[in-house]
Amino acid sequence: MKILIITRGFPTHNDPQWGCFEVDQALALQSLGHDVAMISVDGRVRFYWRKLGSTYKTHKDIHTFNIFYFPTAIIRRINYKISLFLEKKMLLNLFEKLLMQWGRPDIIHAHFLPCIYKGVILKEKYNIPLVGTEHWSVINHLKLPKYVQYLGNLSYKNVDTLISVSDSLRKRIFEVFSSDSIIVHNMIGGGNL
């Protein structure tokens, strides 16, 4: 099976924990015989150099596609809908490159709400089944930012299966977004690509 994982990013020397859950899952799926690719749209504000544009790498036969043009996180503070529009454009551009280089995935698995939202975009455009796994502790905050409310309302109800990594997170998602999920606790692994 060809499985695409939508991730926040990939572990690097500067950010060794960035995307570690997703990498652990990719390596576990690969060990079961699946063909795995990972895709990320990087919009973070970081004070170190990152290559502009899209990048493609393989490591341990995991295909990784990333795109970075500018920190959309700054735009999000001003107008989150504009930042989402720009991230959608970057995602669709990068996904077309993934299709040409790796092929069409059989299923998409997205981690964390912003990535689940990106998964919904791909699901709706390309009719690919989507699983979302929610880890994000922000969901448990008493007052959710408008950006999080907006993404949650658009995303959780549009996945084929929603996974929460804890019972408290499952209850909170149901309470706030009226979306039920199953519980699968986080894997523990190396997180190294």
N, C-alpha and C. Protein backbone atom coordinates (compact mmCIF):
# COMPACT_ATOMS: atom_id res chain seq x y z
N MET A 1 0.84 -1.18 0.00
CA MET A 1 0.00 0.00 0.00
C MET A 1 0.88 1.23 0.00
N LYS A 2 0.49 2.23 -0.78
CA LYS A 2 1.21 3.52 -0.81
C LYS A 2 0.54 4.45 0.20
N ILE A 3 1.29 4.83 1.23
CA ILE A 3 0.76 5.65 2.31
C ILE A 3 1.49 6.99 2.34
N LEU A 4 0.72 8.07 2.27
CA LEU A 4 1.27 9.41 2.37
C LEU A 4 0.99 9.95 3.77
N ILE A 5 2.03 10.40 4.44
CA ILE A 5 1.90 11.00 5.76
C ILE A 5 2.11 12.50 5.62
N ILE A 6 1.11 13.27 6.05
CA ILE A 6 1.25 14.73 6.08
C ILE A 6 1.80 15.09 7.45
N THR A 7 2.93 15.73 7.45
CA THR A 7 3.67 15.98 8.67
C THR A 7 3.95 17.47 8.85
N ARG A 8 4.27 17.84 10.06
CA ARG A 8 4.70 19.21 10.33
C ARG A 8 6.04 19.47 9.68
N GLY A 9 6.88 18.45 9.62
CA GLY A 9 8.22 18.58 9.05
C GLY A 9 9.01 17.33 9.37
N PHE A 10 10.32 17.44 9.29
CA PHE A 10 11.19 16.29 9.48
C PHE A 10 12.29 16.65 10.48
N PRO A 11 12.70 15.70 11.30
CA PRO A 11 13.77 16.00 12.26
C PRO A 11 15.06 16.41 11.54
N THR A 12 15.71 17.42 12.09
CA THR A 12 16.99 17.89 11.56
C THR A 12 17.93 18.13 12.73
N HIS A 13 19.14 18.50 12.42
CA HIS A 13 20.11 18.83 13.47
C HIS A 13 19.58 19.99 14.33
N ASN A 14 18.98 20.99 13.68
CA ASN A 14 18.46 22.16 14.41
C ASN A 14 17.15 21.87 15.14
N ASP A 15 16.36 20.95 14.63
CA ASP A 15 15.04 20.61 15.21
C ASP A 15 14.89 19.09 15.30
N PRO A 16 15.59 18.44 16.23
CA PRO A 16 15.57 16.97 16.27
C PRO A 16 14.22 16.36 16.63
N GLN A 17 13.33 17.12 17.25
CA GLN A 17 12.01 16.58 17.63
C GLN A 17 10.92 16.92 16.61
N TRP A 18 11.22 17.80 15.65
CA TRP A 18 10.22 18.27 14.69
C TRP A 18 9.81 17.11 13.78
N GLY A 19 8.57 16.68 13.89
CA GLY A 19 8.07 15.59 13.05
C GLY A 19 8.43 14.21 13.54
N CYS A 20 8.90 14.08 14.78
CA CYS A 20 9.38 12.78 15.26
C CYS A 20 8.27 11.72 15.34
N PHE A 21 7.04 12.10 15.72
CA PHE A 21 5.93 11.13 15.77
C PHE A 21 5.67 10.57 14.37
N GLU A 22 5.68 11.46 13.41
CA GLU A 22 5.37 11.08 12.04
C GLU A 22 6.45 10.16 11.46
N VAL A 23 7.71 10.46 11.77
CA VAL A 23 8.81 9.62 11.30
C VAL A 23 8.72 8.23 11.92
N ASP A 24 8.42 8.17 13.22
CA ASP A 24 8.26 6.86 13.86
C ASP A 24 7.19 6.04 13.16
N GLN A 25 6.07 6.68 12.82
CA GLN A 25 5.00 5.97 12.14
C GLN A 25 5.44 5.54 10.74
N ALA A 26 6.12 6.42 10.02
CA ALA A 26 6.58 6.09 8.67
C ALA A 26 7.50 4.87 8.69
N LEU A 27 8.44 4.85 9.62
CA LEU A 27 9.36 3.72 9.71
C LEU A 27 8.64 2.43 10.10
N ALA A 28 7.66 2.54 11.00
CA ALA A 28 6.89 1.35 11.40
C ALA A 28 6.07 0.81 10.22
N LEU A 29 5.44 1.70 9.48
CA LEU A 29 4.65 1.27 8.32
C LEU A 29 5.55 0.66 7.25
N GLN A 30 6.70 1.27 7.05
CA GLN A 30 7.64 0.73 6.07
C GLN A 30 8.11 -0.67 6.47
N SER A 31 8.33 -0.89 7.77
CA SER A 31 8.78 -2.20 8.23
C SER A 31 7.72 -3.28 8.00
N LEU A 32 6.47 -2.86 7.81
CA LEU A 32 5.38 -3.80 7.51
C LEU A 32 5.21 -4.01 6.00
N GLY A 33 6.09 -3.39 5.21
CA GLY A 33 6.07 -3.60 3.77
C GLY A 33 5.37 -2.54 2.96
N HIS A 34 4.98 -1.44 3.57
CA HIS A 34 4.28 -0.37 2.84
C HIS A 34 5.29 0.59 2.21
N ASP A 35 4.88 1.21 1.11
CA ASP A 35 5.65 2.25 0.45
C ASP A 35 5.18 3.57 1.05
N VAL A 36 6.08 4.30 1.71
CA VAL A 36 5.69 5.47 2.49
C VAL A 36 6.37 6.73 1.96
N ALA A 37 5.58 7.80 1.88
CA ALA A 37 6.11 9.13 1.58
C ALA A 37 5.60 10.09 2.64
N MET A 38 6.35 11.17 2.85
CA MET A 38 5.97 12.20 3.80
C MET A 38 6.00 13.54 3.08
N ILE A 39 5.05 14.40 3.41
CA ILE A 39 4.96 15.71 2.78
C ILE A 39 4.73 16.77 3.87
N SER A 40 5.38 17.93 3.71
CA SER A 40 5.18 19.01 4.69
C SER A 40 5.27 20.37 4.02
N VAL A 41 4.46 21.29 4.55
CA VAL A 41 4.50 22.69 4.16
C VAL A 41 5.04 23.43 5.38
N ASP A 42 6.23 23.98 5.25
CA ASP A 42 6.91 24.63 6.37
C ASP A 42 6.62 26.12 6.34
N GLY A 43 5.90 26.60 7.34
CA GLY A 43 5.59 28.01 7.44
C GLY A 43 6.08 28.62 8.74
N ARG A 44 7.01 27.93 9.39
CA ARG A 44 7.49 28.38 10.70
C ARG A 44 8.40 29.60 10.61
N VAL A 45 8.50 30.29 11.72
CA VAL A 45 9.48 31.36 11.87
C VAL A 45 10.68 30.73 12.58
N ARG A 46 11.81 30.67 11.89
CA ARG A 46 13.03 30.09 12.46
C ARG A 46 14.20 31.01 12.11
N PHE A 47 15.16 31.09 13.00
CA PHE A 47 16.29 31.99 12.80
C PHE A 47 17.51 31.23 12.27
N TYR A 48 17.27 30.32 11.36
CA TYR A 48 18.36 29.66 10.66
C TYR A 48 17.91 29.42 9.23
N TRP A 49 18.86 29.21 8.35
CA TRP A 49 18.60 29.10 6.92
C TRP A 49 17.88 27.80 6.58
N ARG A 50 16.88 27.94 5.74
CA ARG A 50 16.22 26.79 5.12
C ARG A 50 16.15 27.03 3.63
N LYS A 51 16.29 26.00 2.86
CA LYS A 51 16.26 26.14 1.40
C LYS A 51 14.88 26.63 0.96
N LEU A 52 14.87 27.62 0.10
CA LEU A 52 13.62 28.13 -0.45
C LEU A 52 13.13 27.21 -1.56
N GLY A 53 11.81 27.07 -1.65
CA GLY A 53 11.22 26.22 -2.68
C GLY A 53 10.93 24.83 -2.16
N SER A 54 10.81 23.90 -3.10
CA SER A 54 10.49 22.52 -2.71
C SER A 54 11.74 21.66 -2.71
N THR A 55 11.75 20.70 -1.82
CA THR A 55 12.87 19.76 -1.73
C THR A 55 12.33 18.34 -1.70
N TYR A 56 13.13 17.45 -2.24
CA TYR A 56 12.80 16.02 -2.23
C TYR A 56 14.03 15.27 -1.76
N LYS A 57 13.84 14.37 -0.82
CA LYS A 57 14.93 13.52 -0.33
C LYS A 57 14.37 12.14 -0.05
N THR A 58 15.24 11.16 -0.06
CA THR A 58 14.88 9.84 0.46
C THR A 58 15.88 9.50 1.54
N HIS A 59 15.39 8.85 2.56
CA HIS A 59 16.25 8.34 3.62
C HIS A 59 15.61 7.07 4.14
N LYS A 60 16.37 6.01 4.14
CA LYS A 60 15.84 4.70 4.54
C LYS A 60 14.61 4.35 3.70
N ASP A 61 14.64 4.72 2.43
CA ASP A 61 13.57 4.47 1.47
C ASP A 61 12.25 5.18 1.80
N ILE A 62 12.28 6.16 2.68
CA ILE A 62 11.13 7.01 2.93
C ILE A 62 11.29 8.24 2.04
N HIS A 63 10.30 8.53 1.24
CA HIS A 63 10.32 9.68 0.35
C HIS A 63 9.83 10.90 1.13
N THR A 64 10.59 11.99 1.12
CA THR A 64 10.17 13.19 1.85
C THR A 64 10.11 14.38 0.90
N PHE A 65 8.97 15.07 0.93
CA PHE A 65 8.74 16.25 0.10
C PHE A 65 8.43 17.41 1.04
N ASN A 66 9.13 18.52 0.86
CA ASN A 66 8.92 19.68 1.72
C ASN A 66 8.89 20.94 0.86
N ILE A 67 8.14 21.93 1.33
CA ILE A 67 8.13 23.22 0.63
C ILE A 67 8.20 24.34 1.66
N PHE A 68 9.04 25.34 1.36
CA PHE A 68 9.16 26.52 2.21
C PHE A 68 9.44 27.72 1.33
N TYR A 69 8.61 28.74 1.44
CA TYR A 69 8.86 30.00 0.74
C TYR A 69 8.97 31.17 1.71
N PHE A 70 8.13 31.18 2.73
CA PHE A 70 8.14 32.26 3.70
C PHE A 70 7.38 31.79 4.94
N PRO A 71 7.60 32.43 6.07
CA PRO A 71 6.94 32.01 7.31
C PRO A 71 5.48 32.47 7.34
N THR A 72 4.59 31.59 6.94
CA THR A 72 3.16 31.90 6.96
C THR A 72 2.65 32.09 8.38
N ALA A 73 3.41 31.65 9.37
CA ALA A 73 3.01 31.84 10.77
C ALA A 73 2.88 33.32 11.10
N ILE A 74 3.68 34.15 10.46
CA ILE A 74 3.58 35.60 10.68
C ILE A 74 2.26 36.12 10.10
N ILE A 75 1.94 35.67 8.90
CA ILE A 75 0.69 36.10 8.25
C ILE A 75 -0.51 35.61 9.06
N ARG A 76 -0.39 34.42 9.64
CA ARG A 76 -1.49 33.85 10.42
C ARG A 76 -1.89 34.77 11.57
N ARG A 77 -0.93 35.46 12.15
CA ARG A 77 -1.23 36.38 13.26
C ARG A 77 -2.06 37.58 12.81
N ILE A 78 -1.90 37.93 11.53
CA ILE A 78 -2.64 39.07 10.98
C ILE A 78 -3.98 38.61 10.42
N ASN A 79 -3.95 37.55 9.61
CA ASN A 79 -5.17 37.02 8.98
C ASN A 79 -4.96 35.55 8.68
N TYR A 80 -5.52 34.67 9.52
CA TYR A 80 -5.26 33.24 9.36
C TYR A 80 -5.84 32.68 8.06
N LYS A 81 -6.88 33.29 7.52
CA LYS A 81 -7.45 32.78 6.27
C LYS A 81 -6.51 33.03 5.09
N ILE A 82 -5.79 34.13 5.11
CA ILE A 82 -4.80 34.37 4.06
C ILE A 82 -3.66 33.38 4.18
N SER A 83 -3.20 33.12 5.41
CA SER A 83 -2.11 32.15 5.58
C SER A 83 -2.54 30.76 5.13
N LEU A 84 -3.79 30.38 5.41
CA LEU A 84 -4.29 29.08 4.97
C LEU A 84 -4.38 29.00 3.45
N PHE A 85 -4.78 30.10 2.82
CA PHE A 85 -4.84 30.15 1.36
C PHE A 85 -3.44 29.94 0.76
N LEU A 86 -2.44 30.63 1.30
CA LEU A 86 -1.08 30.49 0.80
C LEU A 86 -0.54 29.08 1.04
N GLU A 87 -0.80 28.51 2.21
CA GLU A 87 -0.35 27.15 2.50
C GLU A 87 -1.04 26.14 1.58
N LYS A 88 -2.30 26.37 1.26
CA LYS A 88 -3.02 25.48 0.34
C LYS A 88 -2.36 25.51 -1.04
N LYS A 89 -2.02 26.69 -1.53
CA LYS A 89 -1.34 26.81 -2.82
C LYS A 89 -0.02 26.05 -2.82
N MET A 90 0.76 26.21 -1.74
CA MET A 90 2.05 25.51 -1.65
C MET A 90 1.83 24.00 -1.58
N LEU A 91 0.84 23.56 -0.79
CA LEU A 91 0.54 22.14 -0.66
C LEU A 91 0.18 21.53 -2.01
N LEU A 92 -0.71 22.16 -2.75
CA LEU A 92 -1.14 21.61 -4.03
C LEU A 92 0.01 21.59 -5.04
N ASN A 93 0.85 22.60 -5.02
CA ASN A 93 2.03 22.62 -5.87
C ASN A 93 2.96 21.45 -5.55
N LEU A 94 3.21 21.26 -4.27
CA LEU A 94 4.10 20.18 -3.84
C LEU A 94 3.49 18.81 -4.11
N PHE A 95 2.17 18.68 -3.91
CA PHE A 95 1.52 17.39 -4.13
C PHE A 95 1.60 16.98 -5.60
N GLU A 96 1.51 17.93 -6.51
CA GLU A 96 1.66 17.62 -7.94
C GLU A 96 3.05 17.06 -8.22
N LYS A 97 4.06 17.60 -7.58
CA LYS A 97 5.42 17.07 -7.73
C LYS A 97 5.52 15.67 -7.14
N LEU A 98 4.87 15.46 -6.01
CA LEU A 98 4.85 14.13 -5.40
C LEU A 98 4.19 13.12 -6.34
N LEU A 99 3.08 13.50 -6.96
CA LEU A 99 2.39 12.59 -7.89
C LEU A 99 3.30 12.19 -9.04
N MET A 100 4.05 13.14 -9.58
CA MET A 100 4.94 12.84 -10.71
C MET A 100 6.11 11.96 -10.29
N GLN A 101 6.62 12.18 -9.08
CA GLN A 101 7.83 11.48 -8.66
C GLN A 101 7.54 10.16 -7.94
N TRP A 102 6.49 10.10 -7.16
CA TRP A 102 6.22 8.93 -6.31
C TRP A 102 4.94 8.21 -6.71
N GLY A 103 3.98 8.92 -7.26
CA GLY A 103 2.71 8.33 -7.65
C GLY A 103 1.59 8.68 -6.69
N ARG A 104 0.43 8.17 -6.99
CA ARG A 104 -0.77 8.48 -6.20
C ARG A 104 -0.84 7.59 -4.95
N PRO A 105 -1.03 8.20 -3.80
CA PRO A 105 -1.16 7.38 -2.58
C PRO A 105 -2.51 6.67 -2.53
N ASP A 106 -2.52 5.53 -1.85
CA ASP A 106 -3.77 4.81 -1.62
C ASP A 106 -4.54 5.41 -0.45
N ILE A 107 -3.79 6.00 0.49
CA ILE A 107 -4.40 6.58 1.69
C ILE A 107 -3.48 7.70 2.20
N ILE A 108 -4.09 8.67 2.86
CA ILE A 108 -3.35 9.77 3.48
C ILE A 108 -3.55 9.68 4.98
N HIS A 109 -2.47 9.88 5.73
CA HIS A 109 -2.55 9.95 7.19
C HIS A 109 -1.91 11.26 7.62
N ALA A 110 -2.69 12.11 8.27
CA ALA A 110 -2.22 13.43 8.68
C ALA A 110 -2.16 13.52 10.20
N HIS A 111 -1.11 14.13 10.71
CA HIS A 111 -0.91 14.30 12.15
C HIS A 111 -1.03 15.77 12.52
N PHE A 112 -1.76 16.05 13.60
CA PHE A 112 -1.96 17.40 14.13
C PHE A 112 -2.95 18.18 13.25
N LEU A 113 -3.79 18.97 13.88
CA LEU A 113 -4.89 19.65 13.21
C LEU A 113 -4.49 20.43 11.96
N PRO A 114 -3.44 21.26 11.98
CA PRO A 114 -3.10 21.97 10.74
C PRO A 114 -2.79 21.03 9.57
N CYS A 115 -2.20 19.90 9.86
CA CYS A 115 -1.90 18.91 8.81
C CYS A 115 -3.16 18.13 8.43
N ILE A 116 -4.04 17.88 9.39
CA ILE A 116 -5.31 17.21 9.08
C ILE A 116 -6.10 18.08 8.11
N TYR A 117 -6.09 19.39 8.33
CA TYR A 117 -6.75 20.32 7.41
C TYR A 117 -6.16 20.20 6.00
N LYS A 118 -4.84 20.11 5.91
CA LYS A 118 -4.21 19.93 4.60
C LYS A 118 -4.64 18.60 3.98
N GLY A 119 -4.79 17.57 4.82
CA GLY A 119 -5.27 16.28 4.33
C GLY A 119 -6.67 16.37 3.76
N VAL A 120 -7.52 17.17 4.40
CA VAL A 120 -8.89 17.36 3.90
C VAL A 120 -8.86 18.01 2.51
N ILE A 121 -7.96 18.96 2.32
CA ILE A 121 -7.82 19.60 1.00
C ILE A 121 -7.49 18.55 -0.06
N LEU A 122 -6.52 17.68 0.24
CA LEU A 122 -6.13 16.65 -0.73
C LEU A 122 -7.22 15.60 -0.91
N LYS A 123 -7.88 15.24 0.18
CA LYS A 123 -8.97 14.26 0.08
C LYS A 123 -10.06 14.77 -0.85
N GLU A 124 -10.46 16.01 -0.65
CA GLU A 124 -11.56 16.56 -1.45
C GLU A 124 -11.17 16.75 -2.91
N LYS A 125 -9.94 17.15 -3.18
CA LYS A 125 -9.51 17.38 -4.57
C LYS A 125 -9.22 16.08 -5.32
N TYR A 126 -8.62 15.10 -4.61
CA TYR A 126 -8.15 13.89 -5.29
C TYR A 126 -8.92 12.62 -4.90
N ASN A 127 -9.90 12.75 -4.01
CA ASN A 127 -10.71 11.61 -3.60
C ASN A 127 -9.85 10.46 -3.04
N ILE A 128 -9.00 10.80 -2.08
CA ILE A 128 -8.13 9.83 -1.43
C ILE A 128 -8.58 9.71 0.03
N PRO A 129 -8.77 8.48 0.55
CA PRO A 129 -9.19 8.32 1.95
C PRO A 129 -8.19 8.98 2.91
N LEU A 130 -8.72 9.52 4.02
CA LEU A 130 -7.92 10.28 4.97
C LEU A 130 -8.13 9.81 6.40
N VAL A 131 -7.02 9.54 7.07
CA VAL A 131 -7.00 9.27 8.51
C VAL A 131 -6.29 10.44 9.17
N GLY A 132 -6.85 10.94 10.26
CA GLY A 132 -6.21 12.02 11.01
C GLY A 132 -5.88 11.56 12.41
N THR A 133 -4.68 11.88 12.87
CA THR A 133 -4.29 11.60 14.25
C THR A 133 -4.03 12.91 14.95
N GLU A 134 -4.77 13.13 16.04
CA GLU A 134 -4.62 14.37 16.80
C GLU A 134 -3.76 14.15 18.03
N HIS A 135 -2.67 14.94 18.09
CA HIS A 135 -1.76 14.95 19.24
C HIS A 135 -1.74 16.31 19.92
N TRP A 136 -2.25 17.32 19.25
CA TRP A 136 -1.98 18.72 19.59
C TRP A 136 -2.56 19.11 20.93
N SER A 137 -1.69 19.46 21.86
CA SER A 137 -2.13 19.83 23.21
C SER A 137 -2.94 21.13 23.21
N VAL A 138 -2.81 21.95 22.18
CA VAL A 138 -3.58 23.20 22.09
C VAL A 138 -5.08 22.91 22.15
N ILE A 139 -5.50 21.77 21.63
CA ILE A 139 -6.92 21.41 21.62
C ILE A 139 -7.48 21.35 23.04
N ASN A 140 -6.64 21.02 24.02
CA ASN A 140 -7.09 20.93 25.41
C ASN A 140 -7.12 22.28 26.13
N HIS A 141 -6.71 23.36 25.48
CA HIS A 141 -6.78 24.68 26.13
C HIS A 141 -8.25 25.07 26.32
N LEU A 142 -8.53 25.74 27.41
CA LEU A 142 -9.91 26.14 27.70
C LEU A 142 -10.47 27.08 26.65
N LYS A 143 -9.65 28.05 26.21
CA LYS A 143 -10.09 28.98 25.17
C LYS A 143 -9.25 28.73 23.93
N LEU A 144 -9.91 28.28 22.87
CA LEU A 144 -9.20 27.99 21.63
C LEU A 144 -9.11 29.24 20.75
N PRO A 145 -7.96 29.47 20.15
CA PRO A 145 -7.86 30.56 19.19
C PRO A 145 -8.83 30.36 18.02
N LYS A 146 -9.25 31.47 17.40
CA LYS A 146 -10.18 31.38 16.27
C LYS A 146 -9.63 30.49 15.16
N TYR A 147 -8.34 30.56 14.94
CA TYR A 147 -7.68 29.74 13.92
C TYR A 147 -7.91 28.25 14.18
N VAL A 148 -7.76 27.84 15.43
CA VAL A 148 -7.94 26.44 15.81
C VAL A 148 -9.41 26.04 15.68
N GLN A 149 -10.32 26.90 16.13
CA GLN A 149 -11.74 26.61 15.98
C GLN A 149 -12.12 26.45 14.52
N TYR A 150 -11.61 27.32 13.68
CA TYR A 150 -11.90 27.28 12.25
C TYR A 150 -11.41 25.96 11.64
N LEU A 151 -10.16 25.61 11.92
CA LEU A 151 -9.60 24.37 11.37
C LEU A 151 -10.34 23.14 11.88
N GLY A 152 -10.64 23.12 13.17
CA GLY A 152 -11.33 21.97 13.76
C GLY A 152 -12.70 21.77 13.16
N ASN A 153 -13.44 22.86 12.98
CA ASN A 153 -14.78 22.75 12.40
C ASN A 153 -14.74 22.27 10.95
N LEU A 154 -13.72 22.64 10.21
CA LEU A 154 -13.61 22.23 8.81
C LEU A 154 -13.02 20.82 8.65
N SER A 155 -12.18 20.43 9.59
CA SER A 155 -11.37 19.24 9.37
C SER A 155 -11.90 17.96 10.00
N TYR A 156 -12.18 17.98 11.28
CA TYR A 156 -12.48 16.73 11.99
C TYR A 156 -13.66 15.96 11.38
N LYS A 157 -14.67 16.67 10.94
CA LYS A 157 -15.86 15.99 10.40
C LYS A 157 -15.62 15.45 9.00
N ASN A 158 -14.51 15.83 8.36
CA ASN A 158 -14.25 15.42 6.99
C ASN A 158 -13.19 14.34 6.83
N VAL A 159 -12.69 13.80 7.94
CA VAL A 159 -11.77 12.67 7.84
C VAL A 159 -12.57 11.37 7.79
N ASP A 160 -11.97 10.34 7.24
CA ASP A 160 -12.63 9.04 7.22
C ASP A 160 -12.52 8.35 8.58
N THR A 161 -11.38 8.53 9.24
CA THR A 161 -11.18 8.04 10.60
C THR A 161 -10.37 9.07 11.36
N LEU A 162 -10.81 9.38 12.58
CA LEU A 162 -10.09 10.32 13.43
C LEU A 162 -9.56 9.56 14.65
N ILE A 163 -8.27 9.74 14.92
CA ILE A 163 -7.61 9.09 16.05
C ILE A 163 -7.17 10.17 17.03
N SER A 164 -7.40 9.93 18.31
CA SER A 164 -6.86 10.78 19.38
C SER A 164 -5.83 9.96 20.13
N VAL A 165 -4.81 10.63 20.65
CA VAL A 165 -3.75 9.90 21.35
C VAL A 165 -4.02 9.75 22.85
N SER A 166 -5.13 10.30 23.33
CA SER A 166 -5.48 10.14 24.75
C SER A 166 -6.99 10.26 24.91
N ASP A 167 -7.49 9.76 26.02
CA ASP A 167 -8.92 9.85 26.30
C ASP A 167 -9.35 11.30 26.52
N SER A 168 -8.50 12.10 27.19
CA SER A 168 -8.86 13.50 27.44
C SER A 168 -8.96 14.28 26.12
N LEU A 169 -8.08 13.99 25.19
CA LEU A 169 -8.12 14.65 23.89
C LEU A 169 -9.36 14.22 23.11
N ARG A 170 -9.69 12.94 23.18
CA ARG A 170 -10.90 12.44 22.52
C ARG A 170 -12.14 13.14 23.06
N LYS A 171 -12.23 13.26 24.38
CA LYS A 171 -13.39 13.93 24.99
C LYS A 171 -13.46 15.40 24.60
N ARG A 172 -12.31 16.06 24.57
CA ARG A 172 -12.28 17.49 24.24
C ARG A 172 -12.72 17.72 22.79
N ILE A 173 -12.24 16.90 21.86
CA ILE A 173 -12.62 17.04 20.45
C ILE A 173 -14.13 16.83 20.30
N PHE A 174 -14.67 15.87 21.02
CA PHE A 174 -16.11 15.62 20.94
C PHE A 174 -16.89 16.79 21.55
N GLU A 175 -16.41 17.29 22.68
CA GLU A 175 -17.08 18.38 23.38
C GLU A 175 -17.11 19.67 22.54
N VAL A 176 -15.99 20.00 21.91
CA VAL A 176 -15.88 21.27 21.19
C VAL A 176 -16.34 21.16 19.73
N PHE A 177 -16.02 20.02 19.08
CA PHE A 177 -16.27 19.91 17.63
C PHE A 177 -17.31 18.86 17.26
N SER A 178 -17.89 18.18 18.25
CA SER A 178 -18.90 17.13 18.02
C SER A 178 -18.41 16.05 17.06
N SER A 179 -17.12 15.75 17.13
CA SER A 179 -16.53 14.70 16.30
C SER A 179 -15.95 13.62 17.20
N ASP A 180 -16.33 12.39 16.94
CA ASP A 180 -15.83 11.29 17.75
C ASP A 180 -14.55 10.73 17.13
N SER A 181 -13.75 10.11 17.97
CA SER A 181 -12.49 9.54 17.51
C SER A 181 -12.21 8.27 18.28
N ILE A 182 -11.28 7.49 17.74
CA ILE A 182 -10.81 6.31 18.47
C ILE A 182 -9.49 6.68 19.14
N ILE A 183 -9.10 5.94 20.16
CA ILE A 183 -7.88 6.24 20.89
C ILE A 183 -6.79 5.25 20.49
N VAL A 184 -5.67 5.77 20.04
CA VAL A 184 -4.45 4.99 19.80
C VAL A 184 -3.32 5.83 20.39
N HIS A 185 -2.71 5.32 21.43
CA HIS A 185 -1.65 6.08 22.10
C HIS A 185 -0.42 6.21 21.20
N ASN A 186 0.38 7.26 21.44
CA ASN A 186 1.59 7.50 20.65
C ASN A 186 2.54 6.32 20.73
N MET A 187 3.23 6.11 19.61
CA MET A 187 4.33 5.14 19.58
C MET A 187 5.55 5.81 20.20
N ILE A 188 6.45 5.00 20.68
CA ILE A 188 7.71 5.53 21.18
C ILE A 188 8.80 4.91 20.33
N GLY A 189 9.64 5.76 19.77
CA GLY A 189 10.70 5.24 18.91
C GLY A 189 11.80 6.27 18.78
N GLY A 190 12.65 6.05 17.79
CA GLY A 190 13.83 6.90 17.62
C GLY A 190 13.55 8.23 16.97
N GLY A 191 12.57 8.28 16.06
CA GLY A 191 12.24 9.52 15.38
C GLY A 191 13.33 10.07 14.49
N ASN A 192 14.24 9.21 14.04
CA ASN A 192 15.34 9.68 13.22
C ASN A 192 15.17 9.25 11.78
N LEU A 193 15.22 10.22 10.89
CA LEU A 193 15.18 9.88 9.46
C LEU A 193 16.56 9.73 8.93
